[in-house]
């Protein structure tokens, strides 16, 4: 009898014996870190927007929340359409179910941001339709959609070529979308926080940052598991395609930075953001076991507390901020 693999076709329902307990532990950790949008107070933010921020700062914020409003919906679509049906372990699907809830929570957070930050109905409608009327956001959405479409017609993985295609989709969402597009956006938030601005946005983003770090950690654990089971899938062609994909994502996010910072935001330049994106891209390549591409250093001291290098050990650290207790223990060697 052949040893089952994580990307075998079908829907395995057997939780005992548990083949991948690490995914179950990730699910349990996610449950502990539950938060709600209602806990966030935006009142100070509204005063800052009206009195302490320049037109360039406000342009940055409007572009940022416009991207946020669509970004997590794109991730959720890929999770439902492509990931859930092909990662064949019930404990992994438990985590993906929890991730889907968290993506919906993030969408609610950004919906609330837009409703608070942009009171004019016409401008708010434009922000919600960013993928249609803001070119820099449309370009990012098209990049994402291309990778969603790359395996959308794949109903059943039955060959190594299809497994490689699936892995490229998963790699894109882990490294480029959640791991680069979102981390670039987080940098703008923490830049504003370093100036003492928008504490409500910063508080909510800290929780989103933690969630996205976990989502990325799960995806990399799936990749690590498949690499252990089927190392032949990770050949030079895969590495070359990943490198090309990440380089395109860096260029795409740099174009977004040119838009976001177009008004001349004091204290942050496109050159610095490009360097930061290259720094993050190198971290992602390292997490995939690939060599650095850029050799860039982190240009933002305010990001040190959120240093992406720590994420390679994310699940080895205890998250102290806001945990909800989960009672009971599970033994992975127990029978039904």
Protein backbone atom coordinates (compact mmCIF):
# COMPACT_ATOMS: atom_id res chain seq x y z
CA UNK A 1 0.00 0.00 0.00
CA UNK A 2 1.36 3.39 -0.99
CA UNK A 3 1.93 5.99 1.71
CA UNK A 4 -0.69 8.75 1.34
CA UNK A 5 0.48 12.24 0.47
CA UNK A 6 -0.94 15.65 1.33
CA UNK A 7 -1.73 16.45 -2.31
CA UNK A 8 -3.34 13.11 -3.15
CA UNK A 9 -6.71 13.59 -4.85
CA UNK A 10 -9.92 13.14 -2.86
CA UNK A 11 -11.32 14.21 0.49
CA UNK A 12 -9.79 12.20 3.31
CA UNK A 13 -12.10 12.26 6.35
CA UNK A 14 -9.94 10.28 8.77
CA UNK A 15 -8.84 12.33 11.78
CA UNK A 16 -7.53 9.29 13.70
CA UNK A 17 -4.75 8.49 13.45
CA UNK A 18 -3.90 12.11 12.67
CA UNK A 19 -1.31 12.34 9.89
CA UNK A 20 -0.47 16.03 10.23
CA UNK A 21 -0.89 17.13 13.86
CA UNK A 22 1.01 20.37 13.15
CA UNK A 23 -1.99 21.65 11.18
CA UNK A 24 -4.34 20.85 14.05
CA UNK A 25 -2.08 22.75 16.43
CA UNK A 26 -2.17 25.73 14.08
CA UNK A 27 -5.95 25.54 14.15
CA UNK A 28 -5.94 25.51 17.97
CA UNK A 29 -3.55 28.47 18.09
CA UNK A 30 -5.79 30.42 15.73
CA UNK A 31 -8.86 29.79 17.88
CA UNK A 32 -7.02 31.21 20.89
CA UNK A 33 -6.27 34.43 19.01
CA UNK A 34 -9.83 35.60 18.47
CA UNK A 35 -10.68 39.29 18.27
CA UNK A 36 -13.56 41.44 17.05
CA UNK A 37 -13.83 44.68 15.12
CA UNK A 38 -16.14 46.11 17.78
CA UNK A 39 -13.19 46.31 20.18
CA UNK A 40 -11.44 48.94 18.02
CA UNK A 41 -12.01 52.63 18.78
CA UNK A 42 -11.65 54.90 15.74
CA UNK A 43 -12.54 58.18 17.46
CA UNK A 44 -8.95 59.39 17.88
CA UNK A 45 -8.26 58.42 14.27
CA UNK A 46 -11.04 60.69 13.04
CA UNK A 47 -9.53 63.62 14.88
CA UNK A 48 -6.12 62.87 13.38
CA UNK A 49 -7.56 62.67 9.86
CA UNK A 50 -9.24 66.03 10.28
CA UNK A 51 -6.51 67.95 12.10
CA UNK A 52 -3.08 66.29 12.02
CA UNK A 53 -2.69 64.77 8.57
CA UNK A 54 -1.62 66.45 5.35
CA UNK A 55 -3.40 65.94 2.02
CA UNK A 56 -0.57 63.55 1.06
CA UNK A 57 -1.16 61.56 4.26
CA UNK A 58 -4.87 61.35 3.58
CA UNK A 59 -4.21 60.19 0.01
CA UNK A 60 -1.99 57.45 1.42
CA UNK A 61 -4.74 56.33 3.80
CA UNK A 62 -7.46 56.31 1.15
CA UNK A 63 -5.35 54.24 -1.23
CA UNK A 64 -4.36 51.90 1.57
CA UNK A 65 -7.84 51.13 2.85
CA UNK A 66 -9.08 50.83 -0.74
CA UNK A 67 -6.56 48.03 -1.30
CA UNK A 68 -7.37 46.43 2.04
CA UNK A 69 -11.08 46.41 1.16
CA UNK A 70 -10.47 44.03 -1.75
CA UNK A 71 -7.26 42.22 -0.82
CA UNK A 72 -8.66 39.83 1.76
CA UNK A 73 -11.68 39.03 -0.42
CA UNK A 74 -9.27 37.91 -3.15
CA UNK A 75 -7.41 35.68 -0.69
CA UNK A 76 -10.70 34.20 0.55
CA UNK A 77 -11.79 33.44 -3.02
CA UNK A 78 -8.58 31.53 -3.71
CA UNK A 79 -8.91 29.64 -0.44
CA UNK A 80 -12.43 28.46 -1.29
CA UNK A 81 -11.96 27.89 -5.02
CA UNK A 82 -8.47 26.37 -5.05
CA UNK A 83 -6.88 25.48 -1.71
CA UNK A 84 -9.59 23.74 0.29
CA UNK A 85 -10.37 21.11 -2.31
CA UNK A 86 -6.76 20.06 -2.96
CA UNK A 87 -5.02 20.02 0.46
CA UNK A 88 -6.15 16.54 1.42
CA UNK A 89 -6.05 16.29 5.20
CA UNK A 90 -9.07 17.00 7.43
CA UNK A 91 -6.92 18.69 10.07
CA UNK A 92 -5.53 21.04 7.42
CA UNK A 93 -9.05 21.79 6.24
CA UNK A 94 -9.98 22.68 9.81
CA UNK A 95 -7.30 25.35 9.71
CA UNK A 96 -8.45 26.59 6.30
CA UNK A 97 -12.00 26.88 7.65
CA UNK A 98 -10.70 29.04 10.47
CA UNK A 99 -8.64 31.10 8.02
CA UNK A 100 -11.76 31.77 5.97
CA UNK A 101 -13.45 33.17 9.08
CA UNK A 102 -10.43 35.39 9.72
CA UNK A 103 -10.45 36.69 6.15
CA UNK A 104 -14.11 37.64 6.61
CA UNK A 105 -13.20 39.38 9.88
CA UNK A 106 -10.49 41.36 8.09
CA UNK A 107 -12.98 42.40 5.41
CA UNK A 108 -15.31 43.62 8.19
CA UNK A 109 -12.41 45.59 9.72
CA UNK A 110 -11.63 47.29 6.41
CA UNK A 111 -15.32 47.91 5.73
CA UNK A 112 -15.52 49.67 9.09
CA UNK A 113 -12.35 51.62 8.30
CA UNK A 114 -13.78 52.88 5.03
CA UNK A 115 -17.10 53.80 6.61
CA UNK A 116 -15.31 55.79 9.31
CA UNK A 117 -12.48 57.33 7.29
CA UNK A 118 -14.34 58.25 4.10
CA UNK A 119 -17.72 59.77 5.00
CA UNK A 120 -18.54 60.98 1.47
CA UNK A 121 -20.69 58.29 -0.23
CA UNK A 122 -19.28 58.92 -3.71
CA UNK A 123 -15.63 58.65 -2.63
CA UNK A 124 -16.44 55.64 -0.49
CA UNK A 125 -18.06 53.91 -3.46
CA UNK A 126 -14.93 54.58 -5.51
CA UNK A 127 -12.76 53.05 -2.80
CA UNK A 128 -14.90 49.92 -2.66
CA UNK A 129 -14.63 49.64 -6.46
CA UNK A 130 -10.85 50.15 -6.36
CA UNK A 131 -10.11 47.21 -8.65
CA UNK A 132 -12.10 48.96 -11.35
CA UNK A 133 -11.06 52.59 -11.03
CA UNK A 134 -7.62 52.74 -9.32
CA UNK A 135 -4.98 51.45 -11.79
CA UNK A 136 -2.33 50.56 -9.18
CA UNK A 137 -4.83 48.42 -7.27
CA UNK A 138 -6.29 46.95 -10.44
CA UNK A 139 -2.80 45.78 -11.44
CA UNK A 140 -2.39 43.96 -8.13
CA UNK A 141 -5.84 42.39 -8.44
CA UNK A 142 -5.06 41.22 -11.98
CA UNK A 143 -1.80 39.66 -10.75
CA UNK A 144 -3.76 37.78 -8.08
CA UNK A 145 -6.54 36.75 -10.44
CA UNK A 146 -4.09 35.35 -12.96
CA UNK A 147 -2.81 32.91 -10.35
CA UNK A 148 -6.34 32.05 -9.18
CA UNK A 149 -7.29 31.29 -12.77
CA UNK A 150 -4.15 29.20 -13.29
CA UNK A 151 -5.71 26.28 -11.39
CA UNK A 152 -9.39 27.27 -11.30
CA UNK A 153 -10.30 24.54 -13.80
CA UNK A 154 -8.29 21.93 -11.90
CA UNK A 155 -10.96 19.78 -10.26
CA UNK A 156 -8.66 16.91 -9.29
CA UNK A 157 -4.88 16.72 -8.95
CA UNK A 158 -3.75 13.58 -10.74
CA UNK A 159 -0.23 14.28 -12.02
CA UNK A 160 3.05 15.83 -10.89
CA UNK A 161 2.56 18.64 -13.41
CA UNK A 162 -0.76 19.52 -11.74
CA UNK A 163 0.83 19.32 -8.28
CA UNK A 164 3.51 21.78 -9.40
CA UNK A 165 0.85 24.11 -10.75
CA UNK A 166 -1.02 23.94 -7.45
CA UNK A 167 2.19 24.62 -5.52
CA UNK A 168 2.85 27.71 -7.63
CA UNK A 169 -0.59 29.06 -6.76
CA UNK A 170 -0.04 28.36 -3.06
CA UNK A 171 3.46 29.85 -3.20
CA UNK A 172 2.14 32.98 -4.90
CA UNK A 173 -0.48 33.61 -2.24
CA UNK A 174 1.94 32.89 0.63
CA UNK A 175 4.92 34.86 -0.66
CA UNK A 176 3.53 37.54 -2.97
CA UNK A 177 0.03 38.37 -1.80
CA UNK A 178 -0.15 37.71 1.92
CA UNK A 179 3.61 37.81 2.34
CA UNK A 180 4.47 40.87 0.22
CA UNK A 181 1.43 42.92 -0.82
CA UNK A 182 -0.02 42.85 2.69
CA UNK A 183 3.33 43.37 4.40
CA UNK A 184 3.99 46.39 2.23
CA UNK A 185 0.60 47.76 3.31
CA UNK A 186 1.38 47.05 6.96
CA UNK A 187 4.56 49.12 6.63
CA UNK A 188 2.50 52.22 5.78
CA UNK A 189 0.36 51.67 8.87
CA UNK A 190 3.35 51.25 11.17
CA UNK A 191 5.00 54.30 9.60
CA UNK A 192 1.96 56.34 10.61
CA UNK A 193 2.00 54.72 14.04
CA UNK A 194 5.64 55.80 14.45
CA UNK A 195 4.41 59.37 13.98
CA UNK A 196 1.78 58.91 16.68
CA UNK A 197 -1.09 58.76 14.17
CA UNK A 198 -4.21 56.60 13.82
CA UNK A 199 -4.03 54.32 16.89
CA UNK A 200 -7.27 52.56 15.94
CA UNK A 201 -5.90 51.57 12.56
CA UNK A 202 -2.64 50.45 14.18
CA UNK A 203 -4.43 48.36 16.82
CA UNK A 204 -6.59 46.53 14.29
CA UNK A 205 -3.68 46.09 11.91
CA UNK A 206 -1.61 44.49 14.70
CA UNK A 207 -4.27 41.76 14.97
CA UNK A 208 -4.53 41.42 11.20
CA UNK A 209 -0.71 41.21 11.03
CA UNK A 210 -0.75 38.34 13.50
CA UNK A 211 -3.48 36.52 11.55
CA UNK A 212 -1.75 37.01 8.20
CA UNK A 213 1.54 35.80 9.67
CA UNK A 214 -0.23 32.63 10.76
CA UNK A 215 -1.86 32.19 7.33
CA UNK A 216 1.51 32.53 5.70
CA UNK A 217 3.03 30.13 8.23
CA UNK A 218 0.37 27.53 7.40
CA UNK A 219 1.01 27.83 3.67
CA UNK A 220 4.76 27.45 4.16
CA UNK A 221 4.16 24.40 6.36
CA UNK A 222 2.07 22.86 3.56
CA UNK A 223 4.92 23.53 1.14
CA UNK A 224 7.48 22.09 3.59
CA UNK A 225 5.34 18.97 4.07
CA UNK A 226 4.92 18.39 0.34
CA UNK A 227 8.65 18.95 -0.18
CA UNK A 228 9.34 16.23 2.40
CA UNK A 229 6.85 13.83 0.79
CA UNK A 230 7.58 14.58 -2.86
CA UNK A 231 10.92 16.41 -3.19
CA UNK A 232 10.98 15.79 -6.93
CA UNK A 233 8.31 18.48 -7.37
CA UNK A 234 10.72 21.21 -6.28
CA UNK A 235 13.04 21.27 -9.24
CA UNK A 236 14.97 24.06 -10.96
CA UNK A 237 11.96 24.95 -13.07
CA UNK A 238 9.85 25.51 -9.93
CA UNK A 239 12.58 27.66 -8.38
CA UNK A 240 12.91 29.74 -11.56
CA UNK A 241 9.15 30.27 -11.79
CA UNK A 242 8.99 31.32 -8.14
CA UNK A 243 11.82 33.81 -8.64
CA UNK A 244 10.08 35.34 -11.65
CA UNK A 245 6.77 35.50 -9.76
CA UNK A 246 8.31 37.28 -6.77
CA UNK A 247 10.17 39.77 -8.97
CA UNK A 248 6.90 40.64 -10.72
CA UNK A 249 5.17 41.07 -7.36
CA UNK A 250 7.90 43.45 -6.15
CA UNK A 251 7.50 45.53 -9.32
CA UNK A 252 3.71 45.52 -8.93
CA UNK A 253 3.88 46.63 -5.30
CA UNK A 254 6.46 49.30 -6.19
CA UNK A 255 3.97 50.76 -8.69
CA UNK A 256 1.41 50.85 -5.88
CA UNK A 257 3.95 52.69 -3.70
CA UNK A 258 4.41 55.30 -6.44
CA UNK A 259 0.65 55.91 -6.30
CA UNK A 260 0.36 55.82 -2.50
CA UNK A 261 3.26 58.24 -2.00
CA UNK A 262 2.45 60.44 -5.01
CA UNK A 263 1.55 63.41 -2.84
CA UNK A 264 4.99 63.56 -1.26
CA UNK A 265 4.57 61.95 2.16
CA UNK A 266 7.18 63.35 4.56
CA UNK A 267 9.43 60.66 6.00
CA UNK A 268 8.84 57.90 3.43
CA UNK A 269 10.01 57.61 -0.18
CA UNK A 270 9.32 55.22 -3.04
CA UNK A 271 13.02 54.30 -3.04
CA UNK A 272 12.82 53.25 0.61
CA UNK A 273 9.62 51.31 0.04
CA UNK A 274 11.18 49.52 -2.92
CA UNK A 275 14.14 48.57 -0.72
CA UNK A 276 11.79 47.31 1.99
CA UNK A 277 9.87 45.22 -0.53
CA UNK A 278 13.12 43.70 -1.77
CA UNK A 279 14.09 42.96 1.84
CA UNK A 280 10.77 41.20 2.45
CA UNK A 281 11.06 39.31 -0.86
CA UNK A 282 14.46 37.97 0.22
CA UNK A 283 12.95 36.75 3.49
CA UNK A 284 10.24 34.92 1.55
CA UNK A 285 12.81 33.28 -0.72
CA UNK A 286 14.74 32.12 2.33
CA UNK A 287 11.58 30.64 3.81
CA UNK A 288 11.23 28.64 0.60
CA UNK A 289 14.82 27.41 0.85
CA UNK A 290 15.87 29.56 -2.12
CA UNK A 291 18.77 32.04 -2.33
CA UNK A 292 18.22 35.75 -1.83
CA UNK A 293 17.59 37.76 -4.96
CA UNK A 294 18.18 41.34 -3.84
CA UNK A 295 20.44 41.44 -0.77
CA UNK A 296 18.45 44.41 0.57
CA UNK A 297 18.40 45.63 4.15
CA UNK A 298 15.36 46.84 6.06
CA UNK A 299 15.36 50.65 5.62
CA UNK A 300 12.59 51.25 8.18
CA UNK A 301 13.62 51.30 11.86
CA UNK A 302 9.94 51.48 12.85
CA UNK A 303 9.46 47.99 11.40
CA UNK A 304 11.99 46.36 13.69
CA UNK A 305 9.29 45.32 16.16
CA UNK A 306 7.44 43.72 13.27
CA UNK A 307 10.59 42.29 11.67
CA UNK A 308 9.60 39.71 9.07
CA UNK A 309 12.65 37.62 9.92
CA UNK A 310 10.87 36.56 13.10
CA UNK A 311 8.09 34.95 11.10
CA UNK A 312 10.18 31.92 10.22
CA UNK A 313 9.86 31.02 13.91
CA UNK A 314 6.31 32.32 14.30
CA UNK A 315 4.89 29.11 15.69
CA UNK A 316 7.78 28.61 18.09
CA UNK A 317 6.90 31.82 19.92
CA UNK A 318 4.04 32.21 22.34
CA UNK A 319 1.75 35.00 21.19
CA UNK A 320 1.04 36.98 24.33
CA UNK A 321 -1.36 39.54 22.90
CA UNK A 322 -5.04 38.77 23.35
CA UNK A 323 -5.62 35.04 23.59
CA UNK A 324 -8.89 33.29 24.34
CA UNK A 325 -8.50 30.14 26.39
CA UNK A 326 -9.25 26.79 24.76
CA UNK A 327 -9.95 24.03 27.24
CA UNK A 328 -8.97 20.38 26.87
CA UNK A 329 -6.07 18.44 25.43
CA UNK A 330 -5.89 16.22 22.40
CA UNK A 331 -3.67 13.17 22.14
CA UNK A 332 -2.67 12.48 18.55
CA UNK A 333 -2.14 8.76 19.09
CA UNK A 334 -5.65 8.11 20.41
CA UNK A 335 -8.05 5.89 18.48
CA UNK A 336 -11.62 6.90 17.70
